[in-house]
Amino acid sequence: MAVAALESGFASRLLGLMGLQRLEGLTGDRAKNAEALRAGLAKAFKTRSRDEWAQLLFDKEACVAPVLDVLEASKESSQDV
């Protein structure tokens, strides 16, 4: 999953949707806490498949998107034409 929840509102929404409210205190100083946030998110993302997370977080304004492999990306791109 690609995470770009940089603003506090998006980060709070993402952490809430993922059940990670305990990590919200780390978002105040992201430079200092980047590794702890990354580790917490990585651990949580391992609890479900990419597609399960994508479905849960889709259209929730959490600034998260699934990372597609080459074949998936080429299918997506051909559907846009």
N, C-alpha and C. Protein backbone atom coordinates (compact mmCIF):
# COMPACT_ATOMS: atom_id res chain seq x y z
N MET A 1 0.84 -1.18 0.00
CA MET A 1 0.00 0.00 0.00
C MET A 1 0.89 1.24 0.00
N ALA A 2 0.46 2.25 -0.73
CA ALA A 2 1.15 3.53 -0.75
C ALA A 2 0.39 4.48 0.18
N VAL A 3 1.08 5.04 1.14
CA VAL A 3 0.47 5.91 2.14
C VAL A 3 1.01 7.32 1.96
N ALA A 4 0.10 8.28 1.82
CA ALA A 4 0.50 9.68 1.67
C ALA A 4 -0.33 10.57 2.59
N ALA A 5 -0.71 10.06 3.74
CA ALA A 5 -1.53 10.81 4.69
C ALA A 5 -0.63 11.75 5.49
N LEU A 6 -0.21 12.82 4.84
CA LEU A 6 0.74 13.73 5.47
C LEU A 6 0.09 14.75 6.38
N GLU A 7 -1.07 15.25 6.00
CA GLU A 7 -1.76 16.24 6.85
C GLU A 7 -2.41 15.54 8.02
N SER A 8 -2.51 16.23 9.15
CA SER A 8 -2.99 15.59 10.38
C SER A 8 -4.39 15.01 10.25
N GLY A 9 -5.28 15.67 9.53
CA GLY A 9 -6.64 15.15 9.36
C GLY A 9 -6.65 13.82 8.62
N PHE A 10 -5.86 13.73 7.55
CA PHE A 10 -5.77 12.48 6.80
C PHE A 10 -5.11 11.38 7.63
N ALA A 11 -4.04 11.74 8.34
CA ALA A 11 -3.34 10.76 9.17
C ALA A 11 -4.26 10.24 10.26
N SER A 12 -5.01 11.11 10.90
CA SER A 12 -5.93 10.71 11.95
C SER A 12 -7.02 9.80 11.40
N ARG A 13 -7.56 10.15 10.24
CA ARG A 13 -8.60 9.33 9.61
C ARG A 13 -8.04 7.94 9.28
N LEU A 14 -6.85 7.89 8.68
CA LEU A 14 -6.24 6.62 8.32
C LEU A 14 -6.01 5.75 9.56
N LEU A 15 -5.40 6.32 10.58
CA LEU A 15 -5.12 5.55 11.79
C LEU A 15 -6.41 5.07 12.44
N GLY A 16 -7.45 5.88 12.43
CA GLY A 16 -8.74 5.47 12.98
C GLY A 16 -9.35 4.32 12.21
N LEU A 17 -9.33 4.42 10.88
CA LEU A 17 -9.88 3.35 10.04
C LEU A 17 -9.12 2.04 10.21
N MET A 18 -7.83 2.15 10.49
CA MET A 18 -7.01 0.95 10.65
C MET A 18 -6.99 0.44 12.10
N GLY A 19 -7.66 1.15 13.01
CA GLY A 19 -7.65 0.75 14.41
C GLY A 19 -6.34 1.04 15.10
N LEU A 20 -5.62 2.06 14.63
CA LEU A 20 -4.30 2.39 15.17
C LEU A 20 -4.29 3.74 15.88
N GLN A 21 -5.34 4.06 16.58
CA GLN A 21 -5.42 5.33 17.28
C GLN A 21 -4.24 5.52 18.23
N ARG A 22 -3.67 4.43 18.72
CA ARG A 22 -2.54 4.53 19.66
C ARG A 22 -1.32 5.19 19.01
N LEU A 23 -1.27 5.23 17.69
CA LEU A 23 -0.14 5.84 17.00
C LEU A 23 -0.33 7.33 16.73
N GLU A 24 -1.51 7.86 17.01
CA GLU A 24 -1.77 9.27 16.70
C GLU A 24 -0.82 10.22 17.39
N GLY A 25 -0.36 9.88 18.57
CA GLY A 25 0.59 10.74 19.28
C GLY A 25 1.92 10.88 18.56
N LEU A 26 2.21 9.97 17.66
CA LEU A 26 3.47 10.00 16.92
C LEU A 26 3.41 10.94 15.72
N THR A 27 2.22 11.37 15.32
CA THR A 27 2.10 12.16 14.10
C THR A 27 2.50 13.62 14.29
N GLY A 28 2.64 14.06 15.52
CA GLY A 28 3.01 15.46 15.77
C GLY A 28 4.41 15.80 15.28
N ASP A 29 5.35 14.90 15.46
CA ASP A 29 6.72 15.11 15.01
C ASP A 29 7.10 13.94 14.11
N ARG A 30 6.65 14.02 12.88
CA ARG A 30 6.84 12.89 11.95
C ARG A 30 8.31 12.62 11.66
N ALA A 31 9.12 13.65 11.61
CA ALA A 31 10.54 13.44 11.33
C ALA A 31 11.16 12.56 12.43
N LYS A 32 10.83 12.87 13.66
CA LYS A 32 11.38 12.11 14.79
C LYS A 32 10.76 10.71 14.88
N ASN A 33 9.48 10.60 14.54
CA ASN A 33 8.74 9.35 14.76
C ASN A 33 8.47 8.55 13.48
N ALA A 34 9.11 8.93 12.39
CA ALA A 34 8.83 8.29 11.10
C ALA A 34 9.00 6.78 11.15
N GLU A 35 10.07 6.31 11.75
CA GLU A 35 10.32 4.86 11.76
C GLU A 35 9.27 4.12 12.60
N ALA A 36 8.87 4.69 13.73
CA ALA A 36 7.84 4.05 14.57
C ALA A 36 6.50 4.03 13.85
N LEU A 37 6.16 5.12 13.16
CA LEU A 37 4.92 5.15 12.38
C LEU A 37 4.97 4.13 11.25
N ARG A 38 6.07 4.09 10.53
CA ARG A 38 6.24 3.15 9.42
C ARG A 38 6.11 1.71 9.93
N ALA A 39 6.75 1.41 11.04
CA ALA A 39 6.70 0.06 11.59
C ALA A 39 5.29 -0.32 12.03
N GLY A 40 4.60 0.62 12.67
CA GLY A 40 3.22 0.36 13.10
C GLY A 40 2.28 0.12 11.93
N LEU A 41 2.43 0.92 10.88
CA LEU A 41 1.61 0.75 9.69
C LEU A 41 1.94 -0.57 8.99
N ALA A 42 3.23 -0.87 8.86
CA ALA A 42 3.64 -2.11 8.20
C ALA A 42 3.09 -3.33 8.93
N LYS A 43 3.16 -3.31 10.24
CA LYS A 43 2.64 -4.43 11.03
C LYS A 43 1.14 -4.59 10.81
N ALA A 44 0.42 -3.49 10.81
CA ALA A 44 -1.03 -3.54 10.60
C ALA A 44 -1.37 -4.00 9.19
N PHE A 45 -0.64 -3.50 8.19
CA PHE A 45 -0.93 -3.89 6.81
C PHE A 45 -0.73 -5.39 6.59
N LYS A 46 0.10 -6.03 7.38
CA LYS A 46 0.34 -7.46 7.24
C LYS A 46 -0.84 -8.30 7.73
N THR A 47 -1.79 -7.68 8.42
CA THR A 47 -2.91 -8.44 8.99
C THR A 47 -4.02 -8.71 7.98
N ARG A 48 -3.97 -8.07 6.82
CA ARG A 48 -4.97 -8.26 5.76
C ARG A 48 -4.26 -8.22 4.42
N SER A 49 -4.96 -8.71 3.41
CA SER A 49 -4.37 -8.64 2.07
C SER A 49 -4.43 -7.20 1.55
N ARG A 50 -3.64 -6.94 0.53
CA ARG A 50 -3.65 -5.62 -0.10
C ARG A 50 -5.05 -5.26 -0.56
N ASP A 51 -5.74 -6.22 -1.18
CA ASP A 51 -7.07 -5.95 -1.71
C ASP A 51 -8.09 -5.70 -0.60
N GLU A 52 -7.94 -6.39 0.53
CA GLU A 52 -8.83 -6.15 1.67
C GLU A 52 -8.64 -4.73 2.21
N TRP A 53 -7.37 -4.31 2.34
CA TRP A 53 -7.10 -2.94 2.80
C TRP A 53 -7.62 -1.93 1.79
N ALA A 54 -7.40 -2.19 0.52
CA ALA A 54 -7.87 -1.26 -0.52
C ALA A 54 -9.37 -1.10 -0.46
N GLN A 55 -10.09 -2.20 -0.27
CA GLN A 55 -11.55 -2.13 -0.19
C GLN A 55 -11.99 -1.36 1.05
N LEU A 56 -11.34 -1.63 2.18
CA LEU A 56 -11.69 -0.95 3.43
C LEU A 56 -11.44 0.55 3.35
N LEU A 57 -10.32 0.94 2.74
CA LEU A 57 -9.91 2.34 2.74
C LEU A 57 -10.35 3.12 1.51
N PHE A 58 -10.92 2.43 0.51
CA PHE A 58 -11.36 3.09 -0.72
C PHE A 58 -12.37 4.18 -0.42
N ASP A 59 -12.13 5.35 -1.01
CA ASP A 59 -13.08 6.47 -0.94
C ASP A 59 -13.33 6.97 0.49
N LYS A 60 -12.33 6.82 1.36
CA LYS A 60 -12.46 7.28 2.75
C LYS A 60 -11.60 8.51 3.03
N GLU A 61 -11.01 9.09 1.98
CA GLU A 61 -10.13 10.25 2.13
C GLU A 61 -9.04 10.01 3.16
N ALA A 62 -8.38 8.86 3.01
CA ALA A 62 -7.30 8.50 3.92
C ALA A 62 -5.94 8.57 3.23
N CYS A 63 -5.92 8.97 1.96
CA CYS A 63 -4.68 9.12 1.19
C CYS A 63 -3.86 7.84 1.15
N VAL A 64 -4.53 6.75 0.79
CA VAL A 64 -3.90 5.45 0.66
C VAL A 64 -4.37 4.82 -0.64
N ALA A 65 -3.45 4.14 -1.32
CA ALA A 65 -3.80 3.45 -2.57
C ALA A 65 -3.01 2.16 -2.66
N PRO A 66 -3.58 1.15 -3.30
CA PRO A 66 -2.83 -0.08 -3.48
C PRO A 66 -1.70 0.11 -4.49
N VAL A 67 -0.60 -0.57 -4.25
CA VAL A 67 0.51 -0.57 -5.20
C VAL A 67 0.28 -1.75 -6.13
N LEU A 68 0.15 -1.46 -7.41
CA LEU A 68 -0.13 -2.49 -8.40
C LEU A 68 1.15 -3.07 -8.97
N ASP A 69 1.11 -4.36 -9.33
CA ASP A 69 2.26 -4.93 -10.03
C ASP A 69 2.16 -4.52 -11.51
N VAL A 70 3.14 -4.89 -12.30
CA VAL A 70 3.21 -4.43 -13.69
C VAL A 70 1.98 -4.87 -14.48
N LEU A 71 1.57 -6.12 -14.32
CA LEU A 71 0.41 -6.61 -15.07
C LEU A 71 -0.87 -5.89 -14.66
N GLU A 72 -1.05 -5.68 -13.36
CA GLU A 72 -2.24 -4.96 -12.88
C GLU A 72 -2.24 -3.53 -13.39
N ALA A 73 -1.11 -2.88 -13.35
CA ALA A 73 -1.02 -1.50 -13.80
C ALA A 73 -1.31 -1.39 -15.29
N SER A 74 -0.84 -2.37 -16.08
CA SER A 74 -1.10 -2.30 -17.52
C SER A 74 -2.58 -2.53 -17.81
N LYS A 75 -3.24 -3.37 -17.03
CA LYS A 75 -4.69 -3.58 -17.18
C LYS A 75 -5.43 -2.29 -16.84
N GLU A 76 -5.05 -1.65 -15.72
CA GLU A 76 -5.68 -0.39 -15.31
C GLU A 76 -5.52 0.66 -16.39
N SER A 77 -4.34 0.76 -16.93
CA SER A 77 -4.07 1.79 -17.93
C SER A 77 -4.84 1.53 -19.21
N SER A 78 -5.02 0.27 -19.61
CA SER A 78 -5.77 -0.02 -20.84
C SER A 78 -7.26 0.21 -20.64
N GLN A 79 -7.76 0.14 -19.41
CA GLN A 79 -9.17 0.40 -19.14
C GLN A 79 -9.49 1.87 -19.19
N ASP A 80 -8.48 2.73 -18.99
CA ASP A 80 -8.68 4.17 -19.01
C ASP A 80 -8.82 4.71 -20.42
N VAL A 81 -8.42 3.94 -21.42
CA VAL A 81 -8.43 4.43 -22.81
C VAL A 81 -9.81 4.42 -23.38
